[in-house]
Amino acid sequence: MREKKIIEAKKEWEENVLEKALSKNDERDFLKPERLYTPLDTDTTEEKYVKDVGFPGQYPFTRGIQPTMYRGRYWTMRSYSGFSTAQESNERYRYLLKQGVTGLSVAMDLPTQIGFDSDHEASEGEVGKVGVAIDSLKDMEELFKDIPLGKVSTSMTINAPAAVLLAMYQAVGEQQGYSSKELQGTIQNDVLKEYIARGTYIYPPAASMRLVSNIFEYCHENIPSWNTISLGAYHIREAGSTAGQEIGFAFANAIAYIETAIESGLTIDDFAGRISWIFSADIDVLEEVAKFRAARRLWAKILKERFGSVNPKSQMLRVHTHTGGSILTAQQPLNNVVRVTIQALAAVMGGTQSMATCAYDEALSLPTEESATLAIRTQQIIAHQSGVADTIDPLAGSYYIESMTDRLQEEAEGYISAIDEMGGAVKAIENGYMQSEIQASAYELQLQIEKGEKIIPGVNKFQTEAQKNENILRVDPTVRELQAAKVKELKENRNNDAVTKALKELKEVAEGQGNLYPKIYNAVKAYATLGEISDVMRDVFGEYSPVQKI
């Protein structure tokens, strides 16, 4: 009866009100054709609410994973930072902590990300450029000098060599007097998305999955407060995916990691509670809010129904959000202040647990102290002045939001089903399915921009004459020479017999079936370099080369 009344009322509105308005002024062209959402677009029954929307802090967590959300405590406010040498990055971290950052987020340079020391020929031109150079435990000691690792949460964006960097962090924490059980933080450790979206892989998928599983197993017993993986939905979105693909492809990868861990002997509730996520905050505010809600609900369903989790903590989607860097423009860079604010607002209304906001000048260079400070102030202003953190899931009940939440969940489930039929994420990666889907989405978006169907102010409309920006951060080009000299000095002064022994033991385990992490940790403590440790595993596992399809 209620539905019939709404249908009749809507028809009357369309005929008597809408048609008159359209006869005078036509609508703009929209990429999303839906004009108006009503109760007809979503199931608003009590049964639907209790089952699929519910209350914060309980299954299916659509409205948030904590009962009080930001009324209890704000999200962790991070600033993604790292450049040049460990010493310079350490100075930036201590500055950011003084500005109110409540967690560190460490960027590594490209050689570190692919397991090369700074003196390797492949490192030429890249040392310290997009992150900090970490060649050995010496660098990690310097990176966190005077920063108490037992009292600060640290996220490290590292994937293929994640076990090596975590071992370095653990060693520094213990040097500072903290037990491994006191350490809190996250390693990204999501190698599958590297094959899909980024390319900073080292080993073939099977060896990479072994390392991921080894970290799960070791941390469960020895570093229990550490998040052993942060799945990179963000990077999938940044490569050009849609919101539905961001959820679906990232969750398909997660399913592969979980299955590998279970095959190694772990039970789902042994490790699932330490899985965390990094999602993008794009600029379509309402779609992004719905995306976070849909992702929480679908993740809870997968953990409970597919894997039989009984611990509610295992079913919680714990999200770190990074505002989308691909949205930023080099043209009129101050416009990015507005873009980042909108993205951050979407993440907060969507219920994120942690966030790093881009600096407005990141399309030009690494952030300056000034722009990095403004980025963290953006979060603080949203928290303390906007009012959106004062109530839980503030947009729930919107016909649009609830409809979009349902649609995105269904879209993501469709992708997961398709990947399951292919044999799982690894097979889907090997046959190029996810890569091609993302490429198609990215191409479609670029066409919309070029045709002017999607307006990017300052880029394809409302352009102004370009002005030179002098206030940008430039990395000293001699950083590689400095790092290479440090590596040389390290090798001359360490106990090389101990290094040789540790690397030999690592190789023996790599050739067998044991857990690699303890041997990696021993090599790190002997001051073997990142490159030396990675090369041992390269020799055993080989390097991954993507299949070229003709």
Protein backbone atom coordinates (compact mmCIF):
# COMPACT_ATOMS: atom_id res chain seq x y z
CA MET A 1 0.00 0.00 0.00
CA ARG A 2 2.78 2.44 0.93
CA GLU A 3 4.69 1.59 -2.27
CA LYS A 4 1.59 2.20 -4.39
CA LYS A 5 1.12 5.65 -2.85
CA ILE A 6 4.76 6.58 -3.57
CA ILE A 7 4.46 5.40 -7.19
CA GLU A 8 1.31 7.47 -7.67
CA ALA A 9 2.80 10.54 -5.97
CA LYS A 10 5.98 10.29 -8.04
CA LYS A 11 4.02 10.01 -11.28
CA GLU A 12 1.95 13.06 -10.35
CA TRP A 13 5.13 15.02 -9.55
CA GLU A 14 6.71 14.03 -12.88
CA GLU A 15 3.65 15.06 -14.87
CA ASN A 16 2.66 18.24 -13.06
CA VAL A 17 5.93 19.62 -11.71
CA LEU A 18 8.93 18.08 -13.42
CA GLU A 19 7.66 18.34 -17.01
CA LYS A 20 6.94 22.05 -16.60
CA ALA A 21 10.42 22.66 -15.25
CA LEU A 22 12.07 20.68 -18.07
CA SER A 23 10.07 22.56 -20.69
CA LYS A 24 11.70 25.78 -19.53
CA ASN A 25 15.21 24.57 -18.76
CA ASP A 26 16.65 21.24 -19.86
CA GLU A 27 18.94 19.30 -17.50
CA ARG A 28 22.67 19.02 -17.87
CA ASP A 29 24.13 15.77 -19.22
CA PHE A 30 25.06 13.39 -16.44
CA LEU A 31 27.32 10.37 -16.39
CA LYS A 32 24.94 9.00 -13.75
CA PRO A 33 21.42 9.18 -15.22
CA GLU A 34 19.44 8.74 -11.99
CA ARG A 35 17.59 11.96 -11.22
CA LEU A 36 15.90 11.26 -7.91
CA TYR A 37 15.95 8.51 -5.32
CA THR A 38 12.90 7.52 -3.30
CA PRO A 39 11.95 4.61 -1.02
CA LEU A 40 11.26 2.71 -4.25
CA ASP A 41 15.02 2.51 -4.88
CA THR A 42 15.88 0.67 -1.68
CA ASP A 43 14.31 -1.81 0.67
CA THR A 44 13.36 0.25 3.73
CA THR A 45 11.64 -2.53 5.68
CA GLU A 46 12.47 -3.20 9.31
CA GLU A 47 13.81 -6.63 8.36
CA LYS A 48 16.20 -5.08 5.83
CA TYR A 49 17.41 -2.53 8.36
CA VAL A 50 18.17 -5.08 11.07
CA LYS A 51 19.80 -7.57 8.68
CA ASP A 52 21.82 -5.35 6.32
CA VAL A 53 22.18 -1.95 7.97
CA GLY A 54 21.99 -2.61 11.69
CA PHE A 55 23.93 -0.79 14.36
CA PRO A 56 27.57 0.27 14.67
CA GLY A 57 29.92 -2.14 16.37
CA GLN A 58 27.99 -5.27 15.45
CA TYR A 59 27.59 -7.52 12.41
CA PRO A 60 27.41 -6.66 9.52
CA PHE A 61 29.20 -3.41 10.54
CA THR A 62 27.61 -1.36 7.75
CA ARG A 63 27.36 1.64 10.08
CA GLY A 64 30.88 1.33 11.50
CA ILE A 65 33.08 -1.12 13.37
CA GLN A 66 32.99 0.66 16.75
CA PRO A 67 29.84 1.24 18.82
CA THR A 68 30.67 4.91 19.41
CA MET A 69 32.91 5.60 16.37
CA TYR A 70 34.35 9.16 16.52
CA ARG A 71 32.29 10.07 19.59
CA GLY A 72 34.76 7.85 21.48
CA ARG A 73 37.99 8.72 19.68
CA TYR A 74 38.91 10.27 16.36
CA TRP A 75 40.48 8.34 13.53
CA THR A 76 44.28 8.06 13.58
CA MET A 77 45.64 11.08 11.72
CA ARG A 78 48.68 10.22 9.65
CA SER A 79 50.91 12.00 7.20
CA TYR A 80 52.50 9.85 4.49
CA SER A 81 56.11 10.92 4.44
CA GLY A 82 59.61 9.82 3.61
CA PHE A 83 62.30 11.16 1.31
CA SER A 84 66.03 11.36 0.80
CA THR A 85 68.04 9.92 3.72
CA ALA A 86 66.88 8.37 6.97
CA GLN A 87 68.17 11.40 8.85
CA GLU A 88 66.11 13.90 6.82
CA SER A 89 62.99 11.76 7.08
CA ASN A 90 63.51 11.41 10.84
CA GLU A 91 63.54 15.19 11.14
CA ARG A 92 60.26 15.40 9.18
CA TYR A 93 58.63 12.70 11.36
CA ARG A 94 59.55 14.48 14.58
CA TYR A 95 58.20 17.73 13.11
CA LEU A 96 54.92 16.06 12.11
CA LEU A 97 54.48 14.51 15.56
CA LYS A 98 54.77 17.99 17.04
CA GLN A 99 52.05 19.19 14.63
CA GLY A 100 49.55 16.67 15.98
CA VAL A 101 50.07 13.62 13.78
CA THR A 102 48.99 10.58 15.82
CA GLY A 103 50.63 7.90 13.66
CA LEU A 104 53.52 7.71 11.22
CA SER A 105 53.16 6.52 7.62
CA VAL A 106 56.50 5.72 6.00
CA ALA A 107 57.15 6.04 2.27
CA MET A 108 60.07 4.00 0.89
CA ASP A 109 61.99 4.89 -2.26
CA LEU A 110 61.70 2.67 -5.34
CA PRO A 111 64.99 0.78 -4.89
CA THR A 112 63.91 -0.17 -1.37
CA GLN A 113 60.51 -1.26 -2.66
CA ILE A 114 62.07 -3.72 -5.12
CA GLY A 115 64.85 -4.98 -2.86
CA PHE A 116 67.88 -3.17 -4.28
CA ASP A 117 70.57 -1.40 -2.25
CA SER A 118 71.30 2.21 -3.16
CA ASP A 119 74.62 1.25 -4.77
CA HIS A 120 72.96 -1.18 -7.22
CA GLU A 121 73.10 -0.05 -10.83
CA ALA A 122 69.31 -0.27 -11.11
CA SER A 123 69.00 2.33 -8.31
CA GLU A 124 70.58 5.08 -10.41
CA GLY A 125 68.39 8.19 -10.39
CA GLU A 126 65.82 6.82 -7.93
CA VAL A 127 67.47 6.87 -4.50
CA GLY A 128 65.48 8.93 -2.02
CA LYS A 129 63.16 10.33 -4.69
CA VAL A 130 59.68 9.03 -3.85
CA GLY A 131 60.49 7.89 -0.35
CA VAL A 132 63.31 7.24 2.08
CA ALA A 133 66.24 4.97 1.20
CA ILE A 134 66.59 2.03 3.60
CA ASP A 135 69.58 -0.19 2.87
CA SER A 136 70.19 -1.81 6.25
CA LEU A 137 69.34 -1.86 9.93
CA LYS A 138 71.66 1.16 10.31
CA ASP A 139 69.27 3.24 8.23
CA MET A 140 66.26 2.02 10.19
CA GLU A 141 67.98 2.95 13.45
CA GLU A 142 68.54 6.45 12.12
CA LEU A 143 65.02 6.73 10.70
CA PHE A 144 63.45 6.23 14.13
CA LYS A 145 66.05 7.92 16.30
CA ASP A 146 64.39 9.58 19.33
CA ILE A 147 60.97 8.21 18.28
CA PRO A 148 59.73 5.64 20.86
CA LEU A 149 58.45 2.73 18.80
CA GLY A 150 56.54 1.25 21.73
CA LYS A 151 54.42 4.40 21.94
CA VAL A 152 53.74 5.29 18.31
CA SER A 153 51.87 3.40 15.59
CA THR A 154 53.77 3.13 12.32
CA SER A 155 52.51 2.16 8.89
CA MET A 156 55.11 1.17 6.31
CA THR A 157 54.27 1.13 2.62
CA ILE A 158 56.36 -1.86 1.61
CA ASN A 159 55.32 -5.02 -0.18
CA ALA A 160 57.75 -7.44 -1.83
CA PRO A 161 60.47 -6.94 0.85
CA ALA A 162 57.92 -6.40 3.66
CA ALA A 163 59.43 -9.15 5.85
CA VAL A 164 62.86 -7.49 5.72
CA LEU A 165 61.58 -4.03 6.67
CA LEU A 166 59.41 -5.43 9.46
CA ALA A 167 62.43 -7.33 10.82
CA MET A 168 64.42 -4.08 10.81
CA TYR A 169 61.60 -2.27 12.64
CA GLN A 170 61.34 -5.07 15.19
CA ALA A 171 65.10 -4.97 15.79
CA VAL A 172 65.08 -1.19 16.35
CA GLY A 173 62.15 -1.49 18.75
CA GLU A 174 64.00 -4.10 20.76
CA GLN A 175 67.13 -1.93 20.76
CA GLN A 176 64.98 0.82 22.30
CA GLY A 177 63.91 -1.56 25.05
CA TYR A 178 60.47 -2.57 23.79
CA SER A 179 59.42 -6.18 23.40
CA SER A 180 58.00 -7.21 20.03
CA LYS A 181 54.62 -7.63 21.74
CA GLU A 182 54.52 -3.87 22.41
CA LEU A 183 55.00 -2.85 18.78
CA GLN A 184 51.97 -1.52 16.91
CA GLY A 185 51.64 -0.71 13.26
CA THR A 186 51.12 -2.05 9.77
CA ILE A 187 53.11 -3.33 6.84
CA GLN A 188 51.36 -3.18 3.50
CA ASN A 189 52.63 -6.64 2.47
CA ASP A 190 50.09 -6.89 -0.37
CA VAL A 191 52.06 -8.24 -3.31
CA LEU A 192 49.15 -9.36 -5.47
CA LYS A 193 48.07 -5.79 -6.13
CA GLU A 194 51.63 -5.09 -7.33
CA TYR A 195 51.09 -7.50 -10.22
CA ILE A 196 47.79 -5.74 -10.97
CA ALA A 197 48.39 -2.04 -10.43
CA ARG A 198 51.88 -0.92 -9.37
CA GLY A 199 54.69 -3.19 -10.54
CA THR A 200 57.02 -3.16 -7.52
CA TYR A 201 57.14 -6.93 -7.26
CA ILE A 202 60.23 -9.12 -6.97
CA TYR A 203 59.38 -12.81 -6.78
CA PRO A 204 56.80 -14.95 -8.60
CA PRO A 205 53.34 -15.12 -6.99
CA ALA A 206 53.81 -18.47 -5.23
CA ALA A 207 56.97 -17.33 -3.43
CA SER A 208 55.38 -13.99 -2.59
CA MET A 209 52.36 -15.74 -1.10
CA ARG A 210 54.68 -17.90 0.99
CA LEU A 211 56.34 -14.81 2.46
CA VAL A 212 52.95 -13.27 3.27
CA SER A 213 51.83 -16.44 5.03
CA ASN A 214 55.14 -16.66 6.94
CA ILE A 215 54.61 -13.13 8.27
CA PHE A 216 51.05 -13.98 9.36
CA GLU A 217 52.31 -17.03 11.24
CA TYR A 218 55.27 -15.31 12.91
CA CYS A 219 53.38 -12.20 13.99
CA HIS A 220 50.50 -14.22 15.41
CA GLU A 221 52.93 -15.65 17.97
CA ASN A 222 55.51 -12.88 18.35
CA ILE A 223 54.15 -9.45 17.28
CA PRO A 224 50.44 -9.86 18.07
CA SER A 225 49.51 -6.16 17.89
CA TRP A 226 50.96 -5.75 14.41
CA ASN A 227 48.69 -5.58 11.36
CA THR A 228 50.33 -8.18 9.16
CA ILE A 229 48.89 -6.96 5.88
CA SER A 230 47.24 -3.81 4.60
CA LEU A 231 45.50 -4.71 1.39
CA GLY A 232 45.88 -2.04 -1.25
CA ALA A 233 42.43 -1.29 -2.60
CA TYR A 234 43.83 2.25 -2.92
CA HIS A 235 46.35 1.32 -5.59
CA ILE A 236 43.72 -0.50 -7.63
CA ARG A 237 41.59 2.66 -7.61
CA GLU A 238 44.56 4.88 -8.40
CA ALA A 239 45.31 2.69 -11.44
CA GLY A 240 41.90 3.65 -12.83
CA SER A 241 39.34 1.22 -11.42
CA THR A 242 35.76 2.05 -10.51
CA ALA A 243 34.56 1.99 -6.89
CA GLY A 244 33.02 -1.45 -7.40
CA GLN A 245 36.24 -2.81 -8.88
CA GLU A 246 38.22 -1.30 -6.01
CA ILE A 247 36.22 -3.41 -3.55
CA GLY A 248 35.85 -6.53 -5.68
CA PHE A 249 39.45 -6.91 -6.86
CA ALA A 250 40.94 -6.09 -3.46
CA PHE A 251 38.64 -8.58 -1.73
CA ALA A 252 39.49 -11.26 -4.30
CA ASN A 253 43.16 -10.74 -3.41
CA ALA A 254 42.33 -10.98 0.28
CA ILE A 255 40.52 -14.26 -0.28
CA ALA A 256 43.69 -15.64 -1.90
CA TYR A 257 45.83 -14.58 1.08
CA ILE A 258 43.38 -16.10 3.53
CA GLU A 259 43.27 -19.39 1.66
CA THR A 260 47.08 -19.53 1.60
CA ALA A 261 47.28 -18.87 5.33
CA ILE A 262 44.69 -21.54 6.09
CA GLU A 263 46.57 -24.03 3.91
CA SER A 264 49.68 -23.32 6.01
CA GLY A 265 47.84 -24.45 9.14
CA LEU A 266 46.40 -21.22 10.58
CA THR A 267 42.73 -20.91 11.44
CA ILE A 268 40.77 -17.91 10.21
CA ASP A 269 40.44 -16.27 13.62
CA ASP A 270 44.18 -16.69 14.27
CA PHE A 271 45.05 -13.90 11.85
CA ALA A 272 42.01 -12.25 10.24
CA GLY A 273 41.73 -9.70 13.05
CA ARG A 274 45.13 -8.30 12.04
CA ILE A 275 44.20 -7.76 8.39
CA SER A 276 43.85 -4.08 7.61
CA TRP A 277 43.12 -2.10 4.48
CA ILE A 278 44.10 1.01 2.60
CA PHE A 279 41.27 2.44 0.54
CA SER A 280 41.19 5.49 -1.66
CA ALA A 281 39.01 8.48 -0.94
CA ASP A 282 37.95 9.66 -4.36
CA ILE A 283 36.11 12.90 -5.00
CA ASP A 284 32.55 11.65 -5.65
CA VAL A 285 31.54 12.19 -2.02
CA LEU A 286 28.29 10.25 -1.83
CA GLU A 287 29.56 7.29 -3.84
CA GLU A 288 32.61 7.13 -1.59
CA VAL A 289 30.49 7.08 1.57
CA ALA A 290 28.42 4.25 0.10
CA LYS A 291 31.62 2.44 -0.95
CA PHE A 292 32.95 2.27 2.60
CA ARG A 293 29.59 1.07 3.91
CA ALA A 294 29.26 -1.60 1.20
CA ALA A 295 32.84 -2.78 1.75
CA ARG A 296 32.33 -3.22 5.51
CA ARG A 297 29.16 -5.23 5.00
CA LEU A 298 30.59 -7.44 2.26
CA TRP A 299 33.81 -8.13 4.17
CA ALA A 300 31.85 -9.21 7.24
CA LYS A 301 29.75 -11.52 5.06
CA ILE A 302 32.82 -13.09 3.41
CA LEU A 303 34.58 -13.72 6.72
CA LYS A 304 31.51 -15.17 8.41
CA GLU A 305 29.83 -17.10 5.63
CA ARG A 306 32.74 -18.12 3.39
CA PHE A 307 35.46 -18.74 5.98
CA GLY A 308 33.45 -19.52 9.10
CA SER A 309 34.86 -16.80 11.34
CA VAL A 310 33.19 -16.69 14.76
CA ASN A 311 35.18 -13.80 16.22
CA PRO A 312 33.52 -10.43 15.45
CA LYS A 313 36.93 -8.73 15.42
CA SER A 314 37.93 -10.90 12.48
CA GLN A 315 34.86 -9.70 10.57
CA MET A 316 35.61 -5.99 10.98
CA LEU A 317 36.95 -4.12 7.95
CA ARG A 318 39.56 -1.83 9.50
CA VAL A 319 40.36 0.86 6.97
CA HIS A 320 43.18 3.33 6.54
CA THR A 321 42.21 5.87 3.91
CA HIS A 322 44.56 7.87 1.74
CA THR A 323 43.07 10.70 -0.27
CA GLY A 324 43.47 9.98 -3.97
CA GLY A 325 46.71 11.28 -5.41
CA SER A 326 45.59 10.77 -9.02
CA ILE A 327 42.91 13.42 -8.47
CA LEU A 328 45.51 16.12 -7.82
CA THR A 329 46.52 18.41 -10.65
CA ALA A 330 49.74 20.23 -11.43
CA GLN A 331 47.64 23.02 -12.96
CA GLN A 332 46.37 25.50 -10.37
CA PRO A 333 47.73 23.39 -7.49
CA LEU A 334 45.91 25.38 -4.79
CA ASN A 335 42.69 23.86 -6.13
CA ASN A 336 43.96 20.62 -4.61
CA VAL A 337 43.33 22.00 -1.13
CA VAL A 338 39.62 21.86 -1.95
CA ARG A 339 39.88 18.43 -3.56
CA VAL A 340 41.69 16.92 -0.58
CA THR A 341 39.18 18.43 1.85
CA ILE A 342 36.26 16.90 -0.06
CA GLN A 343 37.97 13.51 -0.20
CA ALA A 344 38.81 13.57 3.51
CA LEU A 345 35.24 14.56 4.37
CA ALA A 346 33.96 11.56 2.39
CA ALA A 347 36.30 9.21 4.26
CA VAL A 348 35.15 10.51 7.65
CA MET A 349 31.46 10.27 6.78
CA GLY A 350 32.23 6.79 5.44
CA GLY A 351 33.73 5.69 8.77
CA THR A 352 37.49 5.31 8.23
CA GLN A 353 39.75 4.27 11.14
CA SER A 354 42.89 6.06 9.96
CA MET A 355 43.69 8.60 7.29
CA ALA A 356 46.54 10.33 5.49
CA THR A 357 45.72 13.41 3.46
CA CYS A 358 47.69 14.41 0.38
CA ALA A 359 49.45 17.74 0.33
CA TYR A 360 48.26 20.14 -2.35
CA ASP A 361 51.66 20.27 -4.07
CA GLU A 362 52.14 16.51 -4.52
CA ALA A 363 51.39 16.71 -8.24
CA LEU A 364 54.55 18.81 -8.47
CA SER A 365 56.94 17.33 -5.90
CA LEU A 366 57.27 15.82 -2.46
CA PRO A 367 55.41 17.92 0.16
CA THR A 368 57.10 20.84 1.84
CA GLU A 369 56.75 21.32 5.60
CA GLU A 370 54.15 24.00 4.90
CA SER A 371 51.98 21.83 2.63
CA ALA A 372 52.37 18.78 4.88
CA THR A 373 51.19 20.85 7.85
CA LEU A 374 48.15 22.09 5.90
CA ALA A 375 47.31 18.47 5.01
CA ILE A 376 47.18 17.43 8.67
CA ARG A 377 45.31 20.63 9.61
CA THR A 378 42.65 19.60 7.07
CA GLN A 379 41.92 16.48 9.11
CA GLN A 380 41.99 18.40 12.39
CA ILE A 381 39.51 21.00 11.12
CA ILE A 382 37.14 18.26 9.91
CA ALA A 383 37.43 16.54 13.30
CA HIS A 384 37.02 19.54 15.55
CA GLN A 385 34.92 22.03 13.56
CA SER A 386 32.83 20.41 10.83
CA GLY A 387 30.45 18.47 13.08
CA VAL A 388 30.45 15.37 10.82
CA ALA A 389 32.30 13.35 13.48
CA ASP A 390 29.69 14.09 16.14
CA THR A 391 27.21 11.44 15.02
CA ILE A 392 27.67 7.92 13.69
CA ASP A 393 27.16 7.16 9.97
CA PRO A 394 25.41 10.50 9.39
CA LEU A 395 24.13 9.74 5.87
CA ALA A 396 22.49 6.41 6.71
CA GLY A 397 18.87 6.23 5.64
CA SER A 398 19.37 8.42 2.59
CA TYR A 399 17.55 6.71 -0.28
CA TYR A 400 20.55 7.44 -2.50
CA ILE A 401 23.16 6.22 -0.01
CA GLU A 402 21.34 3.01 0.82
CA SER A 403 20.64 2.27 -2.84
CA MET A 404 24.25 2.98 -3.81
CA THR A 405 25.53 0.85 -0.91
CA ASP A 406 23.47 -2.09 -2.18
CA ARG A 407 24.56 -1.53 -5.79
CA LEU A 408 28.27 -1.36 -4.99
CA GLN A 409 28.09 -4.52 -2.88
CA GLU A 410 26.35 -6.37 -5.72
CA GLU A 411 28.90 -5.09 -8.25
CA ALA A 412 31.83 -6.17 -6.08
CA GLU A 413 30.27 -9.59 -5.48
CA GLY A 414 29.92 -10.01 -9.23
CA TYR A 415 33.64 -9.45 -9.76
CA ILE A 416 34.53 -11.85 -6.93
CA SER A 417 32.31 -14.55 -8.44
CA ALA A 418 33.93 -14.10 -11.85
CA ILE A 419 37.40 -14.39 -10.29
CA ASP A 420 36.36 -17.47 -8.31
CA GLU A 421 35.29 -19.11 -11.59
CA MET A 422 38.76 -18.43 -13.02
CA GLY A 423 40.38 -20.26 -10.10
CA GLY A 424 41.05 -17.30 -7.80
CA ALA A 425 43.02 -14.07 -7.77
CA VAL A 426 46.40 -15.52 -8.75
CA LYS A 427 44.92 -17.16 -11.86
CA ALA A 428 42.99 -13.98 -12.68
CA ILE A 429 46.23 -11.99 -12.42
CA GLU A 430 48.13 -14.47 -14.54
CA ASN A 431 45.55 -14.27 -17.32
CA GLY A 432 45.39 -10.48 -17.08
CA TYR A 433 41.70 -10.22 -16.19
CA MET A 434 41.88 -7.61 -13.43
CA GLN A 435 44.53 -5.62 -15.26
CA SER A 436 42.44 -5.41 -18.44
CA GLU A 437 39.27 -4.45 -16.55
CA ILE A 438 41.10 -1.62 -14.79
CA GLN A 439 42.67 -0.44 -18.04
CA ALA A 440 39.24 -0.32 -19.69
CA SER A 441 37.82 1.76 -16.81
CA ALA A 442 40.79 4.12 -16.85
CA TYR A 443 40.48 4.56 -20.62
CA GLU A 444 36.78 5.35 -20.36
CA LEU A 445 37.45 8.00 -17.70
CA GLN A 446 40.18 9.59 -19.81
CA LEU A 447 37.83 9.74 -22.81
CA GLN A 448 35.20 11.49 -20.68
CA ILE A 449 37.78 14.09 -19.63
CA GLU A 450 39.05 14.63 -23.17
CA LYS A 451 35.52 15.00 -24.55
CA GLY A 452 34.62 17.43 -21.79
CA GLU A 453 31.93 15.12 -20.41
CA LYS A 454 33.76 15.18 -17.08
CA ILE A 455 35.00 18.62 -16.06
CA ILE A 456 38.28 18.98 -14.16
CA PRO A 457 38.44 22.68 -13.18
CA GLY A 458 41.79 24.13 -14.12
CA VAL A 459 42.58 21.28 -16.53
CA ASN A 460 39.95 20.92 -19.27
CA LYS A 461 37.92 24.00 -18.27
CA PHE A 462 38.49 27.25 -16.38
CA GLN A 463 42.19 27.24 -17.29
CA THR A 464 44.50 30.10 -16.41
CA GLU A 465 48.01 30.90 -17.53
CA ALA A 466 50.45 28.60 -15.78
CA GLN A 467 52.51 30.16 -13.01
CA LYS A 468 55.86 28.82 -11.91
CA ASN A 469 55.85 27.45 -8.36
CA GLU A 470 59.21 28.00 -6.70
CA ASN A 471 58.24 26.63 -3.30
CA ILE A 472 58.73 22.94 -4.00
CA LEU A 473 60.85 20.35 -2.24
CA ARG A 474 63.85 19.10 -4.22
CA VAL A 475 65.80 15.99 -3.18
CA ASP A 476 69.58 16.44 -3.16
CA PRO A 477 70.91 14.57 -6.25
CA THR A 478 73.94 13.40 -4.23
CA VAL A 479 71.76 11.19 -1.99
CA ARG A 480 72.74 8.05 -3.90
CA GLU A 481 76.43 8.78 -3.38
CA LEU A 482 75.85 9.30 0.35
CA GLN A 483 73.87 6.07 0.66
CA ALA A 484 76.39 4.07 -1.40
CA ALA A 485 79.19 5.31 0.86
CA LYS A 486 77.20 4.22 3.92
CA VAL A 487 76.69 0.74 2.44
CA LYS A 488 80.40 0.46 1.68
CA GLU A 489 81.36 1.54 5.22
CA LEU A 490 78.84 -0.88 6.73
CA LYS A 491 80.25 -3.84 4.83
CA GLU A 492 83.79 -2.94 5.85
CA ASN A 493 83.01 -2.73 9.58
CA ARG A 494 80.39 -5.39 10.28
CA ASN A 495 81.07 -9.02 11.18
CA ASN A 496 81.02 -10.46 7.67
CA ASP A 497 81.36 -14.04 8.90
CA ALA A 498 78.10 -13.59 10.82
CA VAL A 499 76.47 -12.12 7.70
CA THR A 500 77.63 -15.01 5.52
CA LYS A 501 76.31 -17.53 8.05
CA ALA A 502 72.94 -15.79 8.35
CA LEU A 503 72.48 -15.56 4.59
CA LYS A 504 73.46 -19.22 4.15
CA GLU A 505 70.84 -20.27 6.71
CA LEU A 506 68.24 -18.12 4.98
CA LYS A 507 68.98 -19.78 1.64
CA GLU A 508 68.63 -23.25 3.16
CA VAL A 509 65.18 -22.44 4.53
CA ALA A 510 64.16 -20.78 1.24
CA GLU A 511 65.05 -24.00 -0.56
CA GLY A 512 62.90 -25.94 1.91
CA GLN A 513 59.48 -25.37 3.43
CA GLY A 514 60.17 -23.58 6.74
CA ASN A 515 59.19 -20.10 7.88
CA LEU A 516 61.55 -17.55 6.31
CA TYR A 517 60.94 -14.72 8.76
CA PRO A 518 63.20 -15.86 11.67
CA LYS A 519 66.13 -16.26 9.27
CA ILE A 520 65.45 -12.87 7.70
CA TYR A 521 65.40 -11.37 11.19
CA ASN A 522 68.77 -12.98 12.03
CA ALA A 523 70.29 -11.62 8.81
CA VAL A 524 68.95 -8.14 9.54
CA LYS A 525 70.45 -8.17 13.05
CA ALA A 526 73.81 -9.22 11.57
CA TYR A 527 73.56 -6.06 9.37
CA ALA A 528 73.08 -7.86 6.08
CA THR A 529 71.70 -5.32 3.64
CA LEU A 530 68.25 -5.29 2.12
CA GLY A 531 69.75 -6.12 -1.26
CA GLU A 532 71.80 -9.04 0.06
CA ILE A 533 68.78 -10.59 1.77
CA SER A 534 66.54 -10.04 -1.25
CA ASP A 535 69.18 -11.48 -3.60
CA VAL A 536 69.35 -14.72 -1.61
CA MET A 537 65.64 -15.21 -2.22
CA ARG A 538 65.96 -14.05 -5.84
CA ASP A 539 68.50 -16.82 -6.39
CA VAL A 540 66.09 -19.42 -5.01
CA PHE A 541 62.70 -18.13 -6.17
CA GLY A 542 63.63 -16.25 -9.33
CA GLU A 543 62.07 -12.96 -10.42
CA TYR A 544 58.59 -12.44 -11.78
CA SER A 545 58.14 -11.42 -15.40
CA PRO A 546 54.61 -10.63 -16.56
CA VAL A 547 53.33 -12.73 -19.44
CA GLN A 548 53.13 -10.65 -22.60
CA LYS A 549 49.87 -11.34 -24.41
CA ILE A 550 49.78 -10.90 -28.16
